[in-house]
């Protein structure tokens, strides 16, 4: 193109030398924008050839800088004016060729062929440009699927090139194009031979032309020869990267794009992340290459359900498309499809349909459209109709999509697999189970599935869906095999993504690829029939229970043992960023700093780097691959492990019921035994109480729950046979079971044992492998960090910031039934000062070091300063706590009147912001607008989760409802419980309801006395509750639970 620009400049002989000099100067420096500005100052008459030449020059410049729309606009003017020019205008045929090239590049093939044909007919000589025009028409014929015509034209071009210039670079280029034709005809051996000849000629010429290498690699990729494809691509990329004199042209970027496409197709998501991080997409000058890569990024982020990143990259690609193509251009198709995906995910199904239809209309109006893309969009549109129960339109879309896939003979891609999944579900939803199975068996199970990467979510969903269809058709034997394979595949995928995704990204991935409810529904109905299925389901549940808490701890442990200074530096920066981000995210959007998004992205990248670097240790994945046998080996004959599970029940359709069950393992188990328990509404009814009622009503409701047998019977009657002669139970909870104190239940009628049952509440049965009952020991230099008697009005950390109009809040003190709860205000808790002073005295008496924080010294900063501490310690927090329920579901219409930070916490979508603890000075900010980034005395679960409290042997949360949080099935409770476990605390004592103040102090007096007398934390806690039980009803003592 630059050569053409020079020719046109030389032909404009009448222009002033100053104008020509300026344009030539800028053009020579590659400053095309300034050259274009100079040309805009030239005023020429539209009636002569110089005007056409100047327009051509402008068109070429626009083309060079990527403004394809503008380039085409100039060429249309030129095309319309050529016929009116006098015959003496030399070289007008030349323009026909250039106009054809622009139309061709802009996918307007009819106009392109017209101009190429005029050029060929008017020149009547086989010069190189005419040969090129013939070649372009061959390309158009190929795109039109007129392969015979294309074949004939390519052979003619090859013959002409040899006659004209021998086997030169242009001959090599034609061989590559001819090879692509053979590839379309699925004549892969012929195509490979032509590519090889082209590569050999280029190598001899040393012309740095790697086009045939790239297209050969793309062919290998299409026919699943990924290893050979990667080898070719790596060679090409290395040639460019190792030679600074070679410009990174569009074939370099095509190689990079294909490289990413392969690792995406194989679902090597770790490599995808590294690729995205290392490649600055702004370095790509070629617009189409940039769009192609952005579209692949969109596919990747959609695959892992990261819709935040998907929206970002769809936005980038949309801006480029809007600025460069009109709405009917084929390049807009993928843009409309991507927008529709986002709209569908956000729930705007009607708008999603509009965008899908826009994309399909462009495809239908373009004879040369990519049929695979059309088929995929039709499938996507069918999914929306299926979600809307518009079965007629869904059927039409799926049927048409299937026919298109069959026409292009594509029955091996993941896109085709997705279609069969959707189409089969259409049949399943309509009760046509045999049709669903037949469609699967014919199109996937017998042929296609082997072509899909085992790490691809499509592979797992296909196995799962086929299992569902088989089960619906009463073939449970075969269904169990497919379910078992699906579980093992999904487990492998989870272990793969752990190495590079952040915690929030892992949560999103689970959300879109979690089939545990279907699996457990099948298990409920076939609990003893399929041993391998039981084992796989149990092992997978172990993984899920470990992941949400162990991921952060795994990183911390790896870093602590590492000598890698880079790793430690990144981790320190990550923690600092997370703490700062937590404060920023409490601010309204308008108050957040401009660099918020940049800081957020940098922090995510740091987390991924840390995870990747620390995962080099051999035990990183091993810790997450614990199986049931390893759990069993830790059990004694008188012990058992019970893993409670809860799930939405699926029986050919979603029933709306939530069911509970239990896996049971004993020393002599042959496999994890599954026992169905009850439906959640039965438990909900037993636990139900009016949270707005007064303390007396609440106390009566709680006493009834724990003094009557109904609650204990609900859990333990179905487990009666398993509990016989057992004395110790390691219990892992799920769902609403987190709101039950099992040690307070009367289990005697169910165990047939003279000895009382000891319950150890664990986050996961896998914790048995490293279980040690904690004890207080002066030999380990254990310290006591004690917080109580807190002044919620002022803080030493905030004194310099206090003002004369400081918020004054009423101090409310209830005597015997004083409770540690607050919504609109937080009063001083008299009993807490006595509580921590007694603990301090008892600890000092036994030789322990103590630090006491009361009044204005009990600050948020003091707790955060414990992060990273290496000597063991006990953290006792006697203070107010807060927990707000899910704002979408559980908030009462009346009874709350909050503003400021409290309103932010109440309405937050993140459950880790909706629970926390109150420390010195909290009242100043609780009802104040949250526009300050200083420490505010409000310690949220989110902030705690970003601390490193791995040296903490015990956290005592002597505050109300600290054990509550949003229930998320087998993942435990998202609240303070999860936060302290994520931070690394070994044991946690917390509360389930509003705690009477005086009895709380008494309970912990007994507890610490027993601990200082040598009992383990577990035995001391059990003993303290037994002593309280002899004096009080359950309301006064059963609210506290120990999570080990």
Foldseek 3Di string as FASTA:
>chain_A
DLVLLVVLLVVLPVDDPVLSVQLCVCVVVVVLVSSLVSLVPDDDDPQAVNVLSSLQNNLVSCVQQPQLVSSLVSLVVSVVCLVVYDPVPPPSLVSLLVNLVSCVVLQNNVSNLVSLVSSLVVVVDLDPSNLVSLLSVLVVCLLLVVLVSSLVSLVVSLVSCCVPPRCALVNLVSLQSNLVSCVLVVVNVSSVVSLVVSVVRCVVVVPLDCVSLQVNLVSCVVVPVNVSSLVSLVVNLCVPVVDVVDDCAVSVLSSLLVVLVSCVQLVLVLVNVVSVVVDDLVPHSHLVSSLSNLLSVLVSCVQLQVVVVNVVSLVVSVVSCVSRHDLLRLSCLSSLQSVLVSCVVVPVLVVSLVSLVSSLVSQVVNSSHDLLSNLLSLLVNLLSCVVVVVLVSNQVSLVVSVVSCVVSVNLAGLSNLSSLLSNLVSCLVVVNLVVNLVSCVVRPPVPHLVNGNLLRLSNLSSLQSNLLSCVLVVNNVVSLVSPLSSLVSVVVNLLSPLLFADLVSSVSSCVVRPPLQVLVLSCAVVQPPDQSSQFSSQQSLLLLLCPNQVSLVLLVVLVVPDPDPVLVVLLVVLLVLLLLLVLQVLAPPVLHDPCNVVSVVSSRNSRRVSSNVSCVDPCSCVLSRDGPVLLLVLADQQEKEKEKFWHQHDDSHGPRWIWIKIFMHYNPDPHTGIFTFGIVVQVCVLPDDDPPDDPVRVQVSVLCSLVDQSNVCSHQVRVLVVLESHAEYEYADWDCCLLALVLSHDCVVRHVDPHHHAYAYASHSSCSSVDDFAADDVVLLEEEEAEAQEAQQAAPQCVVVDDPVFDDDDADEDPQQGWQEDQLDGHGYVLRVVLRVLLVVLCVVLPHHYDYAHYNRFAPVVVLVLFPPAREYEYEHAHAKFAAPAPVPDDDPDDHDAAFSSVSLNHDNQQQSRIWTAHHNQNRGRRPHSSDSDRRRTGTLSSLLSGQNQRYAEYEHNYFQQSAIYGDTSNHHNGNVSSPSSNNHNKYKDFSGTERSVLSSQLVSQLSVVSSVPDGSSVSNSVSLVVVVVPDRCRHRSGIHMYD
